[in-house]
Amino acid sequence: MKKVVAAIIKEKDQLLIAQRHSKDPLTSKWEFPGGKLEPGETPEECLVREIREELQVEVEIGSFYDDNVYGFKD
């Protein structure tokens, strides 16, 4: 099982979501920004790294919101 994290970035009444890359199996779908944890990485470190890589912005991680287990076939 892969572990992933996602950021809920909200400002005023708007949420930031991102569209998946055209080479992704779920192309054109929308998602909260985030990604897979690397070995030895905390969820917070992963979010900072993924947001930097995907959106080229620096973030500060706030409080934990929720967790969920979800499965789908590639």
PDB file of N, CA and C in Angstrom:
ATOM      1  N   MET A   1       0.838  -1.171   0.000  1.00  0.00           N
ATOM      2  CA  MET A   1       0.000   0.000   0.000  1.00  0.00           C
ATOM      3  C   MET A   1       0.889   1.242   0.000  1.00  0.00           C
ATOM      4  N   LYS A   2       0.592   2.170  -0.887  1.00  0.00           N
ATOM      5  CA  LYS A   2       1.337   3.423  -0.945  1.00  0.00           C
ATOM      6  C   LYS A   2       0.698   4.419   0.007  1.00  0.00           C
ATOM      7  N   LYS A   3       1.540   5.197   0.676  1.00  0.00           N
ATOM      8  CA  LYS A   3       1.033   6.256   1.536  1.00  0.00           C
ATOM      9  C   LYS A   3       1.225   7.585   0.827  1.00  0.00           C
ATOM     10  N   VAL A   4       0.172   8.366   0.798  1.00  0.00           N
ATOM     11  CA  VAL A   4       0.212   9.672   0.152  1.00  0.00           C
ATOM     12  C   VAL A   4      -0.362  10.720   1.085  1.00  0.00           C
ATOM     13  N   VAL A   5      -0.023  11.957   0.820  1.00  0.00           N
ATOM     14  CA  VAL A   5      -0.569  13.079   1.575  1.00  0.00           C
ATOM     15  C   VAL A   5      -1.110  14.108   0.589  1.00  0.00           C
ATOM     16  N   ALA A   6      -2.046  14.896   1.060  1.00  0.00           N
ATOM     17  CA  ALA A   6      -2.611  15.949   0.228  1.00  0.00           C
ATOM     18  C   ALA A   6      -2.822  17.184   1.088  1.00  0.00           C
ATOM     19  N   ALA A   7      -2.707  18.337   0.457  1.00  0.00           N
ATOM     20  CA  ALA A   7      -2.880  19.610   1.146  1.00  0.00           C
ATOM     21  C   ALA A   7      -4.236  20.201   0.807  1.00  0.00           C
ATOM     22  N   ILE A   8      -4.907  20.710   1.818  1.00  0.00           N
ATOM     23  CA  ILE A   8      -6.120  21.489   1.597  1.00  0.00           C
ATOM     24  C   ILE A   8      -5.703  22.939   1.787  1.00  0.00           C
ATOM     25  N   ILE A   9      -5.584  23.647   0.692  1.00  0.00           N
ATOM     26  CA  ILE A   9      -5.126  25.031   0.717  1.00  0.00           C
ATOM     27  C   ILE A   9      -6.338  25.914   0.453  1.00  0.00           C
ATOM     28  N   LYS A  10      -6.692  26.683   1.480  1.00  0.00           N
ATOM     29  CA  LYS A  10      -7.899  27.498   1.402  1.00  0.00           C
ATOM     30  C   LYS A  10      -7.559  28.947   1.701  1.00  0.00           C
ATOM     31  N   GLU A  11      -8.101  29.835   0.893  1.00  0.00           N
ATOM     32  CA  GLU A  11      -7.985  31.264   1.160  1.00  0.00           C
ATOM     33  C   GLU A  11      -9.346  31.881   0.916  1.00  0.00           C
ATOM     34  N   LYS A  12      -9.843  32.512   1.948  1.00  0.00           N
ATOM     35  CA  LYS A  12     -11.204  33.056   1.915  1.00  0.00           C
ATOM     36  C   LYS A  12     -12.157  31.920   1.569  1.00  0.00           C
ATOM     37  N   ASP A  13     -12.931  32.046   0.527  1.00  0.00           N
ATOM     38  CA  ASP A  13     -13.895  30.999   0.168  1.00  0.00           C
ATOM     39  C   ASP A  13     -13.429  30.150  -1.002  1.00  0.00           C
ATOM     40  N   GLN A  14     -12.115  30.110  -1.252  1.00  0.00           N
ATOM     41  CA  GLN A  14     -11.603  29.357  -2.395  1.00  0.00           C
ATOM     42  C   GLN A  14     -10.657  28.253  -1.952  1.00  0.00           C
ATOM     43  N   LEU A  15     -10.739  27.094  -2.639  1.00  0.00           N
ATOM     44  CA  LEU A  15      -9.834  25.972  -2.416  1.00  0.00           C
ATOM     45  C   LEU A  15      -8.936  25.820  -3.628  1.00  0.00           C
ATOM     46  N   LEU A  16      -7.678  25.447  -3.387  1.00  0.00           N
ATOM     47  CA  LEU A  16      -6.746  25.208  -4.481  1.00  0.00           C
ATOM     48  C   LEU A  16      -6.765  23.726  -4.828  1.00  0.00           C
ATOM     49  N   ILE A  17      -7.078  23.405  -6.083  1.00  0.00           N
ATOM     50  CA  ILE A  17      -6.979  22.041  -6.586  1.00  0.00           C
ATOM     51  C   ILE A  17      -6.163  22.082  -7.869  1.00  0.00           C
ATOM     52  N   ALA A  18      -5.634  20.934  -8.251  1.00  0.00           N
ATOM     53  CA  ALA A  18      -4.764  20.870  -9.425  1.00  0.00           C
ATOM     54  C   ALA A  18      -5.273  19.783 -10.371  1.00  0.00           C
ATOM     55  N   GLN A  19      -5.084  20.006 -11.666  1.00  0.00           N
ATOM     56  CA  GLN A  19      -5.474  19.011 -12.657  1.00  0.00           C
ATOM     57  C   GLN A  19      -4.284  18.091 -12.919  1.00  0.00           C
ATOM     58  N   ARG A  20      -4.567  16.801 -12.991  1.00  0.00           N
ATOM     59  CA  ARG A  20      -3.511  15.815 -13.205  1.00  0.00           C
ATOM     60  C   ARG A  20      -2.864  15.982 -14.580  1.00  0.00           C
ATOM     61  N   HIS A  21      -1.613  15.596 -14.660  1.00  0.00           N
ATOM     62  CA  HIS A  21      -0.804  15.705 -15.884  1.00  0.00           C
ATOM     63  C   HIS A  21      -1.383  14.837 -16.998  1.00  0.00           C
ATOM     64  N   SER A  22      -1.151  15.236 -18.214  1.00  0.00           N
ATOM     65  CA  SER A  22      -1.688  14.506 -19.376  1.00  0.00           C
ATOM     66  C   SER A  22      -1.126  13.091 -19.504  1.00  0.00           C
ATOM     67  N   LYS A  23       0.027  12.809 -18.901  1.00  0.00           N
ATOM     68  CA  LYS A  23       0.620  11.471 -18.963  1.00  0.00           C
ATOM     69  C   LYS A  23       0.181  10.585 -17.788  1.00  0.00           C
ATOM     70  N   ASP A  24      -0.598  11.129 -16.876  1.00  0.00           N
ATOM     71  CA  ASP A  24      -1.087  10.397 -15.714  1.00  0.00           C
ATOM     72  C   ASP A  24      -2.221   9.466 -16.133  1.00  0.00           C
ATOM     73  N   PRO A  25      -2.314   8.266 -15.529  1.00  0.00           N
ATOM     74  CA  PRO A  25      -3.429   7.370 -15.864  1.00  0.00           C
ATOM     75  C   PRO A  25      -4.807   7.999 -15.594  1.00  0.00           C
ATOM     76  N   LEU A  26      -4.865   8.932 -14.681  1.00  0.00           N
ATOM     77  CA  LEU A  26      -6.125   9.616 -14.365  1.00  0.00           C
ATOM     78  C   LEU A  26      -6.127  11.029 -14.941  1.00  0.00           C
ATOM     79  N   THR A  27      -5.566  11.170 -16.128  1.00  0.00           N
ATOM     80  CA  THR A  27      -5.432  12.472 -16.765  1.00  0.00           C
ATOM     81  C   THR A  27      -6.753  13.249 -16.776  1.00  0.00           C
ATOM     82  N   SER A  28      -6.642  14.544 -16.649  1.00  0.00           N
ATOM     83  CA  SER A  28      -7.770  15.481 -16.655  1.00  0.00           C
ATOM     84  C   SER A  28      -8.611  15.450 -15.391  1.00  0.00           C
ATOM     85  N   LYS A  29      -8.321  14.538 -14.460  1.00  0.00           N
ATOM     86  CA  LYS A  29      -9.032  14.523 -13.178  1.00  0.00           C
ATOM     87  C   LYS A  29      -8.431  15.607 -12.291  1.00  0.00           C
ATOM     88  N   TRP A  30      -9.186  15.997 -11.282  1.00  0.00           N
ATOM     89  CA  TRP A  30      -8.743  17.040 -10.358  1.00  0.00           C
ATOM     90  C   TRP A  30      -8.373  16.426  -9.023  1.00  0.00           C
ATOM     91  N   GLU A  31      -7.417  17.059  -8.325  1.00  0.00           N
ATOM     92  CA  GLU A  31      -6.956  16.536  -7.042  1.00  0.00           C
ATOM     93  C   GLU A  31      -6.430  17.674  -6.174  1.00  0.00           C
ATOM     94  N   PHE A  32      -6.386  17.404  -4.880  1.00  0.00           N
ATOM     95  CA  PHE A  32      -5.671  18.309  -3.992  1.00  0.00           C
ATOM     96  C   PHE A  32      -4.190  18.065  -4.207  1.00  0.00           C
ATOM     97  N   PRO A  33      -3.355  19.103  -4.182  1.00  0.00           N
ATOM     98  CA  PRO A  33      -1.924  18.894  -4.394  1.00  0.00           C
ATOM     99  C   PRO A  33      -1.314  18.049  -3.271  1.00  0.00           C
ATOM    100  N   GLY A  34      -0.345  17.254  -3.620  1.00  0.00           N
ATOM    101  CA  GLY A  34       0.328  16.377  -2.667  1.00  0.00           C
ATOM    102  C   GLY A  34       1.017  15.265  -3.415  1.00  0.00           C
ATOM    103  N   GLY A  35       1.337  14.179  -2.705  1.00  0.00           N
ATOM    104  CA  GLY A  35       1.995  13.073  -3.377  1.00  0.00           C
ATOM    105  C   GLY A  35       2.423  11.973  -2.429  1.00  0.00           C
ATOM    106  N   LYS A  36       3.250  11.074  -2.943  1.00  0.00           N
ATOM    107  CA  LYS A  36       3.689   9.892  -2.207  1.00  0.00           C
ATOM    108  C   LYS A  36       4.811  10.226  -1.221  1.00  0.00           C
ATOM    109  N   LEU A  37       4.719   9.610  -0.042  1.00  0.00           N
ATOM    110  CA  LEU A  37       5.787   9.738   0.952  1.00  0.00           C
ATOM    111  C   LEU A  37       6.997   8.950   0.488  1.00  0.00           C
ATOM    112  N   GLU A  38       8.175   9.534   0.651  1.00  0.00           N
ATOM    113  CA  GLU A  38       9.426   8.835   0.386  1.00  0.00           C
ATOM    114  C   GLU A  38       9.886   8.177   1.689  1.00  0.00           C
ATOM    115  N   PRO A  39      10.708   7.117   1.599  1.00  0.00           N
ATOM    116  CA  PRO A  39      11.182   6.442   2.811  1.00  0.00           C
ATOM    117  C   PRO A  39      11.841   7.421   3.786  1.00  0.00           C
ATOM    118  N   GLY A  40      11.453   7.332   5.058  1.00  0.00           N
ATOM    119  CA  GLY A  40      12.030   8.174   6.097  1.00  0.00           C
ATOM    120  C   GLY A  40      11.458   9.582   6.154  1.00  0.00           C
ATOM    121  N   GLU A  41      10.508   9.899   5.324  1.00  0.00           N
ATOM    122  CA  GLU A  41       9.944  11.245   5.247  1.00  0.00           C
ATOM    123  C   GLU A  41       8.662  11.318   6.081  1.00  0.00           C
ATOM    124  N   THR A  42       8.486  12.413   6.808  1.00  0.00           N
ATOM    125  CA  THR A  42       7.241  12.616   7.540  1.00  0.00           C
ATOM    126  C   THR A  42       6.177  13.144   6.576  1.00  0.00           C
ATOM    127  N   PRO A  43       4.910  13.004   6.924  1.00  0.00           N
ATOM    128  CA  PRO A  43       3.863  13.577   6.073  1.00  0.00           C
ATOM    129  C   PRO A  43       4.044  15.080   5.852  1.00  0.00           C
ATOM    130  N   GLU A  44       4.460  15.794   6.870  1.00  0.00           N
ATOM    131  CA  GLU A  44       4.673  17.234   6.749  1.00  0.00           C
ATOM    132  C   GLU A  44       5.810  17.555   5.780  1.00  0.00           C
ATOM    133  N   GLU A  45       6.915  16.820   5.893  1.00  0.00           N
ATOM    134  CA  GLU A  45       8.040  17.015   4.969  1.00  0.00           C
ATOM    135  C   GLU A  45       7.622  16.702   3.532  1.00  0.00           C
ATOM    136  N   CYS A  46       6.826  15.659   3.379  1.00  0.00           N
ATOM    137  CA  CYS A  46       6.350  15.276   2.048  1.00  0.00           C
ATOM    138  C   CYS A  46       5.511  16.392   1.434  1.00  0.00           C
ATOM    139  N   LEU A  47       4.600  16.970   2.205  1.00  0.00           N
ATOM    140  CA  LEU A  47       3.763  18.039   1.666  1.00  0.00           C
ATOM    141  C   LEU A  47       4.583  19.241   1.232  1.00  0.00           C
ATOM    142  N   VAL A  48       5.536  19.641   2.062  1.00  0.00           N
ATOM    143  CA  VAL A  48       6.383  20.778   1.699  1.00  0.00           C
ATOM    144  C   VAL A  48       7.119  20.484   0.395  1.00  0.00           C
ATOM    145  N   ARG A  49       7.702  19.295   0.286  1.00  0.00           N
ATOM    146  CA  ARG A  49       8.446  18.911  -0.916  1.00  0.00           C
ATOM    147  C   ARG A  49       7.539  18.844  -2.139  1.00  0.00           C
ATOM    148  N   GLU A  50       6.405  18.185  -2.018  1.00  0.00           N
ATOM    149  CA  GLU A  50       5.499  18.021  -3.157  1.00  0.00           C
ATOM    150  C   GLU A  50       4.932  19.360  -3.641  1.00  0.00           C
ATOM    151  N   ILE A  51       4.552  20.232  -2.721  1.00  0.00           N
ATOM    152  CA  ILE A  51       4.013  21.535  -3.117  1.00  0.00           C
ATOM    153  C   ILE A  51       5.101  22.357  -3.808  1.00  0.00           C
ATOM    154  N   ARG A  52       6.320  22.265  -3.290  1.00  0.00           N
ATOM    155  CA  ARG A  52       7.443  22.965  -3.931  1.00  0.00           C
ATOM    156  C   ARG A  52       7.667  22.430  -5.350  1.00  0.00           C
ATOM    157  N   GLU A  53       7.667  21.096  -5.506  1.00  0.00           N
ATOM    158  CA  GLU A  53       7.900  20.492  -6.821  1.00  0.00           C
ATOM    159  C   GLU A  53       6.757  20.773  -7.805  1.00  0.00           C
ATOM    160  N   GLU A  54       5.518  20.633  -7.346  1.00  0.00           N
ATOM    161  CA  GLU A  54       4.367  20.747  -8.243  1.00  0.00           C
ATOM    162  C   GLU A  54       3.979  22.191  -8.548  1.00  0.00           C
ATOM    163  N   LEU A  55       4.048  23.048  -7.539  1.00  0.00           N
ATOM    164  CA  LEU A  55       3.505  24.398  -7.683  1.00  0.00           C
ATOM    165  C   LEU A  55       4.552  25.505  -7.575  1.00  0.00           C
ATOM    166  N   GLN A  56       5.794  25.140  -7.258  1.00  0.00           N
ATOM    167  CA  GLN A  56       6.889  26.093  -7.112  1.00  0.00           C
ATOM    168  C   GLN A  56       6.579  27.180  -6.072  1.00  0.00           C
ATOM    169  N   VAL A  57       5.958  26.783  -4.972  1.00  0.00           N
ATOM    170  CA  VAL A  57       5.709  27.709  -3.869  1.00  0.00           C
ATOM    171  C   VAL A  57       6.127  27.052  -2.565  1.00  0.00           C
ATOM    172  N   GLU A  58       6.450  27.883  -1.593  1.00  0.00           N
ATOM    173  CA  GLU A  58       6.798  27.403  -0.261  1.00  0.00           C
ATOM    174  C   GLU A  58       5.563  27.497   0.628  1.00  0.00           C
ATOM    175  N   VAL A  59       5.328  26.475   1.451  1.00  0.00           N
ATOM    176  CA  VAL A  59       4.167  26.454   2.335  1.00  0.00           C
ATOM    177  C   VAL A  59       4.583  26.158   3.762  1.00  0.00           C
ATOM    178  N   GLU A  60       3.743  26.566   4.688  1.00  0.00           N
ATOM    179  CA  GLU A  60       3.862  26.155   6.082  1.00  0.00           C
ATOM    180  C   GLU A  60       2.711  25.209   6.350  1.00  0.00           C
ATOM    181  N   ILE A  61       3.007  24.104   7.000  1.00  0.00           N
ATOM    182  CA  ILE A  61       2.002  23.078   7.236  1.00  0.00           C
ATOM    183  C   ILE A  61       1.232  23.405   8.515  1.00  0.00           C
ATOM    184  N   GLY A  62      -0.088  23.411   8.391  1.00  0.00           N
ATOM    185  CA  GLY A  62      -0.970  23.676   9.529  1.00  0.00           C
ATOM    186  C   GLY A  62      -1.353  22.377  10.220  1.00  0.00           C
ATOM    187  N   SER A  63      -2.527  22.348  10.777  1.00  0.00           N
ATOM    188  CA  SER A  63      -2.983  21.192  11.543  1.00  0.00           C
ATOM    189  C   SER A  63      -3.481  20.069  10.635  1.00  0.00           C
ATOM    190  N   PHE A  64      -3.415  18.865  11.170  1.00  0.00           N
ATOM    191  CA  PHE A  64      -3.889  17.671  10.478  1.00  0.00           C
ATOM    192  C   PHE A  64      -5.405  17.738  10.369  1.00  0.00           C
ATOM    193  N   TYR A  65      -5.948  17.351   9.202  1.00  0.00           N
ATOM    194  CA  TYR A  65      -7.389  17.408   9.004  1.00  0.00           C
ATOM    195  C   TYR A  65      -8.053  16.037   9.159  1.00  0.00           C
ATOM    196  N   ASP A  66      -7.640  15.049   8.377  1.00  0.00           N
ATOM    197  CA  ASP A  66      -8.306  13.753   8.411  1.00  0.00           C
ATOM    198  C   ASP A  66      -7.460  12.724   7.662  1.00  0.00           C
ATOM    199  N   ASP A  67      -7.755  11.442   7.873  1.00  0.00           N
ATOM    200  CA  ASP A  67      -7.109  10.412   7.064  1.00  0.00           C
ATOM    201  C   ASP A  67      -8.176   9.503   6.469  1.00  0.00           C
ATOM    202  N   ASN A  68      -7.788   8.800   5.432  1.00  0.00           N
ATOM    203  CA  ASN A  68      -8.728   7.966   4.705  1.00  0.00           C
ATOM    204  C   ASN A  68      -7.964   6.843   4.018  1.00  0.00           C
ATOM    205  N   VAL A  69      -8.587   5.696   3.890  1.00  0.00           N
ATOM    206  CA  VAL A  69      -8.008   4.576   3.148  1.00  0.00           C
ATOM    207  C   VAL A  69      -8.861   4.401   1.912  1.00  0.00           C
ATOM    208  N   TYR A  70      -8.201   4.411   0.748  1.00  0.00           N
ATOM    209  CA  TYR A  70      -8.917   4.319  -0.515  1.00  0.00           C
ATOM    210  C   TYR A  70      -8.109   3.478  -1.475  1.00  0.00           C
ATOM    211  N   GLY A  71      -8.760   2.661  -2.218  1.00  0.00           N
ATOM    212  CA  GLY A  71      -8.053   1.845  -3.180  1.00  0.00           C
ATOM    213  C   GLY A  71      -8.671   1.975  -4.561  1.00  0.00           C
ATOM    214  N   PHE A  72      -7.827   1.900  -5.579  1.00  0.00           N
ATOM    215  CA  PHE A  72      -8.290   1.869  -6.954  1.00  0.00           C
ATOM    216  C   PHE A  72      -7.266   1.130  -7.789  1.00  0.00           C
ATOM    217  N   LYS A  73      -7.697   0.620  -8.905  1.00  0.00           N
ATOM    218  CA  LYS A  73      -6.795  -0.108  -9.800  1.00  0.00           C
ATOM    219  C   LYS A  73      -6.218   0.848 -10.813  1.00  0.00           C
ATOM    220  N   ASP A  74      -4.926   0.677 -11.093  1.00  0.00           N
ATOM    221  CA  ASP A  74      -4.254   1.514 -12.106  1.00  0.00           C
ATOM    222  C   ASP A  74      -4.766   1.196 -13.484  1.00  0.00           C
TER     223      ASP A  74
END
